[in-house]
Protein backbone atom coordinates (compact mmCIF):
# COMPACT_ATOMS: atom_id res chain seq x y z
CA MET A 1 0.00 0.00 0.00
CA PHE A 2 2.79 2.38 0.99
CA ALA A 3 4.66 1.45 -2.20
CA ARG A 4 1.63 2.33 -4.32
CA THR A 5 1.28 5.65 -2.42
CA ALA A 6 4.96 6.51 -3.02
CA ILE A 7 4.67 5.68 -6.70
CA ALA A 8 1.52 7.83 -6.98
CA SER A 9 3.25 10.71 -5.17
CA ARG A 10 6.25 10.56 -7.50
CA ALA A 11 3.93 10.47 -10.52
CA THR A 12 2.03 13.51 -9.24
CA ALA A 13 5.26 15.42 -8.59
CA SER A 14 6.53 14.50 -12.04
CA THR A 15 3.29 15.77 -13.60
CA LEU A 16 3.56 19.07 -11.69
CA ASN A 17 7.17 19.52 -12.78
CA VAL A 18 6.22 18.96 -16.42
CA ALA A 19 3.38 21.48 -16.11
CA GLY A 20 5.72 24.01 -14.47
CA GLN A 21 8.33 23.54 -17.18
CA THR A 22 5.65 24.01 -19.84
CA ARG A 23 4.59 27.29 -18.24
CA ASN A 24 8.21 28.42 -18.01
CA MET A 25 8.82 27.57 -21.64
CA ALA A 26 5.71 29.54 -22.65
CA THR A 27 6.91 32.52 -20.58
CA LEU A 28 10.38 32.33 -22.10
CA LYS A 29 8.87 32.25 -25.59
CA GLU A 30 6.83 35.37 -24.83
CA ILE A 31 9.87 37.17 -23.44
CA GLN A 32 11.90 36.16 -26.49
CA ASN A 33 9.22 37.50 -28.86
CA ARG A 34 8.96 40.75 -26.94
CA LEU A 35 12.74 41.09 -26.89
CA LYS A 36 12.83 40.68 -30.66
CA SER A 37 10.06 43.27 -31.09
CA VAL A 38 11.78 45.86 -28.87
CA THR A 39 15.08 45.28 -30.66
CA ASN A 40 13.44 46.02 -34.03
CA ILE A 41 11.83 49.17 -32.61
CA SER A 42 15.21 50.27 -31.29
CA LYS A 43 16.72 49.92 -34.77
CA ILE A 44 13.88 52.00 -36.27
CA THR A 45 14.19 54.80 -33.71
CA ALA A 46 17.97 54.86 -34.12
CA SER A 47 17.56 55.28 -37.89
CA MET A 48 14.95 58.01 -37.38
CA LYS A 49 17.32 59.80 -35.02
CA MET A 50 20.05 59.82 -37.69
CA ILE A 51 17.63 61.17 -40.30
CA ALA A 52 16.37 63.85 -37.89
CA SER A 53 19.96 64.87 -37.11
CA THR A 54 20.65 65.44 -40.80
CA LYS A 55 17.41 67.40 -41.24
CA THR A 56 18.18 69.47 -38.13
CA THR A 57 21.49 70.60 -39.61
CA ARG A 58 19.80 71.66 -42.85
CA ALA A 59 16.95 73.34 -40.97
CA GLN A 60 19.41 75.35 -38.85
CA ARG A 61 21.13 76.67 -41.96
CA ALA A 62 17.77 77.74 -43.42
CA MET A 63 16.80 79.23 -40.06
CA THR A 64 19.87 81.47 -40.07
CA VAL A 65 18.76 82.95 -43.40
CA ALA A 66 15.14 83.29 -42.25
CA ARG A 67 16.24 85.08 -39.09
CA ASN A 68 17.95 87.68 -41.25
CA TYR A 69 14.65 88.23 -43.06
CA GLY A 70 12.83 88.52 -39.75
CA LYS A 71 15.44 90.79 -38.24
CA VAL A 72 14.95 93.27 -41.10
CA SER A 73 11.22 93.50 -40.39
CA ASP A 74 11.70 93.58 -36.63
CA ASP A 75 14.36 96.31 -36.73
CA PHE A 76 12.23 98.40 -39.08
CA VAL A 77 9.23 98.25 -36.74
CA LYS A 78 11.37 99.03 -33.69
CA GLN A 79 13.17 101.97 -35.31
CA ALA A 80 9.89 103.41 -36.56
CA GLU A 81 8.51 102.94 -33.01
CA VAL A 82 5.33 101.26 -34.19
CA LYS A 83 3.00 100.59 -31.29
CA PRO A 84 -0.29 98.66 -31.16
CA VAL A 85 -3.49 100.69 -31.20
CA GLU A 86 -5.89 100.08 -28.35
CA GLY A 87 -9.00 98.23 -29.45
CA ALA A 88 -7.47 97.00 -32.73
CA LYS A 89 -8.86 93.77 -34.19
CA GLU A 90 -6.38 90.92 -34.13
CA LEU A 91 -5.85 87.75 -36.14
CA LEU A 92 -4.22 84.77 -34.48
CA ILE A 93 -1.93 82.64 -36.66
CA THR A 94 -0.68 79.38 -35.12
CA VAL A 95 2.43 78.10 -36.92
CA SER A 96 2.57 74.31 -36.56
CA SER A 97 3.10 71.38 -38.98
CA ASP A 98 1.62 68.03 -40.04
CA LYS A 99 4.29 65.78 -38.54
CA GLY A 100 4.38 64.05 -35.15
CA LEU A 101 6.87 62.00 -33.13
CA CYS A 102 8.53 65.16 -31.84
CA GLY A 103 7.55 65.35 -28.18
CA GLY A 104 5.24 68.08 -26.92
CA ILE A 105 6.22 70.74 -29.43
CA HIS A 106 2.73 70.94 -30.97
CA SER A 107 0.97 70.75 -27.60
CA SER A 108 2.80 73.87 -26.39
CA LEU A 109 1.56 75.80 -29.43
CA SER A 110 -1.99 74.60 -28.87
CA ARG A 111 -1.93 75.52 -25.19
CA ARG A 112 -0.63 79.01 -25.97
CA SER A 113 -3.28 79.46 -28.67
CA ARG A 114 -6.11 78.22 -26.45
CA LYS A 115 -4.97 80.50 -23.65
CA TYR A 116 -5.03 83.50 -25.98
CA LEU A 117 -8.45 82.56 -27.34
CA GLY A 118 -9.73 82.14 -23.81
CA GLU A 119 -8.90 85.80 -23.19
CA ASN A 120 -10.02 86.97 -26.67
CA GLY A 121 -12.88 84.67 -27.60
CA GLU A 122 -13.94 86.39 -30.84
CA THR A 123 -10.48 86.41 -32.46
CA PRO A 124 -10.35 84.65 -35.87
CA VAL A 125 -7.69 81.97 -36.21
CA VAL A 126 -5.52 80.75 -39.10
CA ILE A 127 -3.68 77.49 -38.44
CA LEU A 128 -0.67 76.23 -40.37
CA GLY A 129 -0.39 72.46 -39.93
CA ASP A 130 -2.85 69.72 -39.00
CA LYS A 131 -1.35 68.91 -35.59
CA ALA A 132 -2.32 72.19 -33.94
CA LYS A 133 -5.61 72.29 -35.85
CA VAL A 134 -6.88 69.10 -34.24
CA GLN A 135 -6.16 70.38 -30.74
CA VAL A 136 -7.45 73.95 -31.19
CA GLN A 137 -10.55 72.80 -33.07
CA ARG A 138 -11.81 70.84 -30.07
CA ALA A 139 -12.20 73.98 -27.95
CA TYR A 140 -12.73 76.73 -30.55
CA PRO A 141 -14.09 75.23 -33.78
CA GLY A 142 -15.94 78.40 -34.79
CA ASN A 143 -12.87 80.64 -34.68
CA ILE A 144 -10.91 78.85 -37.39
CA ARG A 145 -11.05 80.71 -40.71
CA TYR A 146 -8.27 78.96 -42.63
CA SER A 147 -6.09 75.91 -42.12
CA PHE A 148 -3.15 74.96 -44.32
CA ASN A 149 -1.62 71.48 -44.41
CA GLN A 150 1.28 69.77 -46.21
CA ILE A 151 3.60 71.86 -44.04
CA GLY A 152 6.72 70.63 -42.27
CA SER A 153 7.69 67.72 -44.52
CA THR A 154 10.47 69.85 -46.00
CA ILE A 155 12.03 73.22 -45.23
CA PRO A 156 9.44 75.95 -45.93
CA THR A 157 10.22 78.20 -48.89
CA TYR A 158 9.54 81.91 -49.32
CA ASP A 159 7.29 81.19 -52.32
CA GLU A 160 5.03 78.96 -50.21
CA THR A 161 4.95 81.56 -47.47
CA SER A 162 4.09 84.34 -49.92
CA ALA A 163 1.20 82.27 -51.29
CA ILE A 164 -0.19 81.73 -47.77
CA ALA A 165 0.22 85.44 -46.96
CA SER A 166 -1.60 86.44 -50.16
CA VAL A 167 -4.56 84.18 -49.34
CA ILE A 168 -4.89 85.68 -45.86
CA LEU A 169 -4.46 89.32 -46.91
CA ASN A 170 -6.77 89.07 -49.94
CA ASP A 171 -9.66 87.53 -48.02
CA LYS A 172 -11.87 90.49 -47.13
CA SER A 173 -14.09 88.35 -44.90
CA ILE A 174 -11.31 88.26 -42.29
CA GLU A 175 -11.32 91.67 -40.66
CA PHE A 176 -8.18 92.36 -38.62
CA ASP A 177 -5.72 95.14 -37.91
CA ASN A 178 -2.87 93.30 -36.20
CA ALA A 179 -1.75 89.70 -36.63
CA LYS A 180 -0.16 87.67 -33.85
CA LEU A 181 2.01 84.75 -34.98
CA ILE A 182 2.51 82.03 -32.36
CA TYR A 183 5.44 79.76 -33.21
CA ASN A 184 8.20 77.66 -31.61
CA LYS A 185 11.47 79.53 -31.27
CA PHE A 186 14.64 77.49 -31.71
CA VAL A 187 16.86 77.91 -28.63
CA SER A 188 19.29 75.01 -28.93
CA ALA A 189 19.45 71.45 -30.22
CA ILE A 190 17.65 70.25 -27.09
CA ALA A 191 15.45 73.24 -26.21
CA PHE A 192 12.76 75.46 -27.69
CA GLU A 193 10.28 78.01 -26.40
CA THR A 194 6.89 79.14 -27.64
CA ASP A 195 7.05 82.78 -28.71
CA SER A 196 5.00 85.28 -30.71
CA ILE A 197 5.59 87.89 -33.44
CA GLU A 198 3.40 90.96 -33.88
CA CYS A 199 2.49 92.06 -37.41
CA TYR A 200 1.17 95.62 -37.81
CA PRO A 201 -0.89 97.03 -40.68
CA ILE A 202 0.51 99.73 -42.93
CA SER A 203 -1.89 102.31 -41.43
CA GLN A 204 -0.23 101.97 -38.01
CA ILE A 205 3.25 101.90 -39.53
CA VAL A 206 2.67 105.17 -41.42
CA GLU A 207 1.46 106.87 -38.24
CA ALA A 208 4.51 105.74 -36.23
CA PRO A 209 6.60 108.63 -34.79
CA ASN A 210 9.82 107.86 -36.67
CA PHE A 211 8.38 106.57 -39.95
CA ASN A 212 8.87 109.94 -41.65
CA ALA A 213 12.61 109.43 -41.32
CA TYR A 214 12.35 107.00 -44.24
CA GLU A 215 11.94 108.12 -47.84
CA TYR A 216 9.14 106.29 -49.59
CA GLN A 217 6.60 106.51 -52.37
CA GLU A 218 2.89 106.20 -51.71
CA ASP A 219 2.36 103.46 -54.28
CA ILE A 220 4.73 101.04 -52.55
CA LEU A 221 3.11 101.12 -49.13
CA GLU A 222 0.73 98.25 -49.90
CA ASN A 223 3.63 96.18 -51.21
CA LEU A 224 5.56 97.03 -48.05
CA ASN A 225 2.65 95.75 -45.96
CA GLU A 226 2.58 92.42 -47.81
CA PHE A 227 6.37 92.14 -47.66
CA LEU A 228 6.55 92.65 -43.89
CA PHE A 229 3.71 90.18 -43.28
CA ALA A 230 5.27 87.51 -45.53
CA ASN A 231 8.69 88.12 -43.95
CA ASN A 232 7.43 87.49 -40.44
CA LEU A 233 5.44 84.45 -41.56
CA TYR A 234 8.49 82.98 -43.29
CA TRP A 235 10.61 83.59 -40.21
CA ALA A 236 8.08 81.85 -37.95
CA LEU A 237 7.67 78.87 -40.31
CA VAL A 238 11.38 78.17 -40.78
CA GLU A 239 12.25 78.72 -37.14
CA GLY A 240 9.41 76.42 -36.10
CA HIS A 241 10.61 73.80 -38.57
CA ALA A 242 14.12 73.88 -37.09
CA ALA A 243 12.72 73.55 -33.56
CA GLU A 244 10.55 70.62 -34.68
CA MET A 245 13.45 68.73 -36.27
CA ALA A 246 15.58 69.24 -33.14
CA ALA A 247 12.71 68.04 -30.93
CA LYS A 248 12.22 64.99 -33.17
CA ARG A 249 15.91 64.11 -32.90
CA THR A 250 15.72 64.40 -29.11
CA ALA A 251 12.54 62.31 -28.99
CA MET A 252 14.06 59.54 -31.11
CA GLU A 253 17.23 59.60 -29.02
CA ASN A 254 15.18 59.16 -25.84
CA ALA A 255 13.12 56.40 -27.47
CA THR A 256 16.28 54.54 -28.49
CA LYS A 257 17.70 54.88 -24.99
CA ASN A 258 14.47 53.61 -23.40
CA ALA A 259 14.38 50.68 -25.82
CA GLY A 260 17.96 49.82 -24.86
CA ASP A 261 17.04 49.82 -21.16
CA MET A 262 14.05 47.59 -21.88
CA ILE A 263 16.22 45.21 -23.90
CA ASN A 264 18.63 44.89 -20.95
CA ARG A 265 15.77 44.15 -18.53
CA LEU A 266 14.16 41.60 -20.84
CA THR A 267 17.50 39.90 -21.49
CA LEU A 268 18.13 39.57 -17.75
CA GLN A 269 14.60 38.23 -17.21
CA TYR A 270 15.01 35.74 -20.06
CA ASN A 271 18.36 34.47 -18.75
CA ARG A 272 16.97 34.02 -15.25
CA GLY A 273 13.95 32.11 -16.59
CA ARG A 274 16.12 29.88 -18.75
CA GLN A 275 18.44 29.19 -15.83
CA ALA A 276 15.44 28.22 -13.68
CA VAL A 277 14.22 25.76 -16.35
CA ILE A 278 17.67 24.17 -16.62
CA THR A 279 17.92 23.88 -12.83
CA ASN A 280 14.51 22.16 -12.61
CA GLU A 281 15.48 19.72 -15.33
CA LEU A 282 18.73 18.88 -13.51
CA ILE A 283 16.79 18.31 -10.27
CA ASP A 284 14.45 15.91 -12.09
CA ILE A 285 17.38 13.97 -13.55
CA ILE A 286 19.18 13.75 -10.22
CA THR A 287 15.97 12.74 -8.41
CA GLY A 288 15.24 10.05 -10.97
CA ALA A 289 18.80 8.67 -10.72
CA SER A 290 18.56 8.61 -6.94
CA ALA A 291 15.28 6.71 -7.09
CA LEU A 292 16.92 4.01 -9.13
């Protein structure tokens, strides 16, 4: 009787060991599949980081040129001492893009735009890029007058900017005096800040205290208005593009680093699981030999 009980106990223990080994093997297979998946993701993010680094260098060169354009307009307004008129109608222009995978760079623009619209609820809005449009549209869908997409895939050109400026200025249904451009200012390869540029109409520029120091002809004033508006828009677009590429490079670098940490943890977990399976198998072999 005791012999039959001992045999039954050994059989039960053997069955439990087999079931435990099966579970361990299934767990090891899952860890191995996940390890392979994370490794592939790490390779993708590393490649995207290299591409973003190349694009950041090109975008910085274009940004240097665009800043010169913007500096001309900014210095002209400062030297003429143009000041905003109280009660002037404003147009809000949010300068974003269509691309993602670049951290919270679009969210900062949307927050700044929503904050401004919360204080000035009737202000019309023009949005450049689909990313900011989706976020602003949730809270203020009736304020959006125009939205432009296909922006941010390449470095913005002055021709594209001039076309956008012409559409905005020629639309008589949008009544505004000043335009506020909200964009991301490039600070460094790892930092940016959300800033704004004020665009004034030619009527305010002509009435500025020091504007008479410049020699001009009456027929060029309208062209000057369009030029200053397009200049500032081009500056904001190119600077925002450079900030976006730098943020994308940083995001892909962080993603690659996180994937590497996860690979190390999964490798350690897999090795420990495999070692446990081998140890259990050795115990079974030694126990079986001892029983004989």
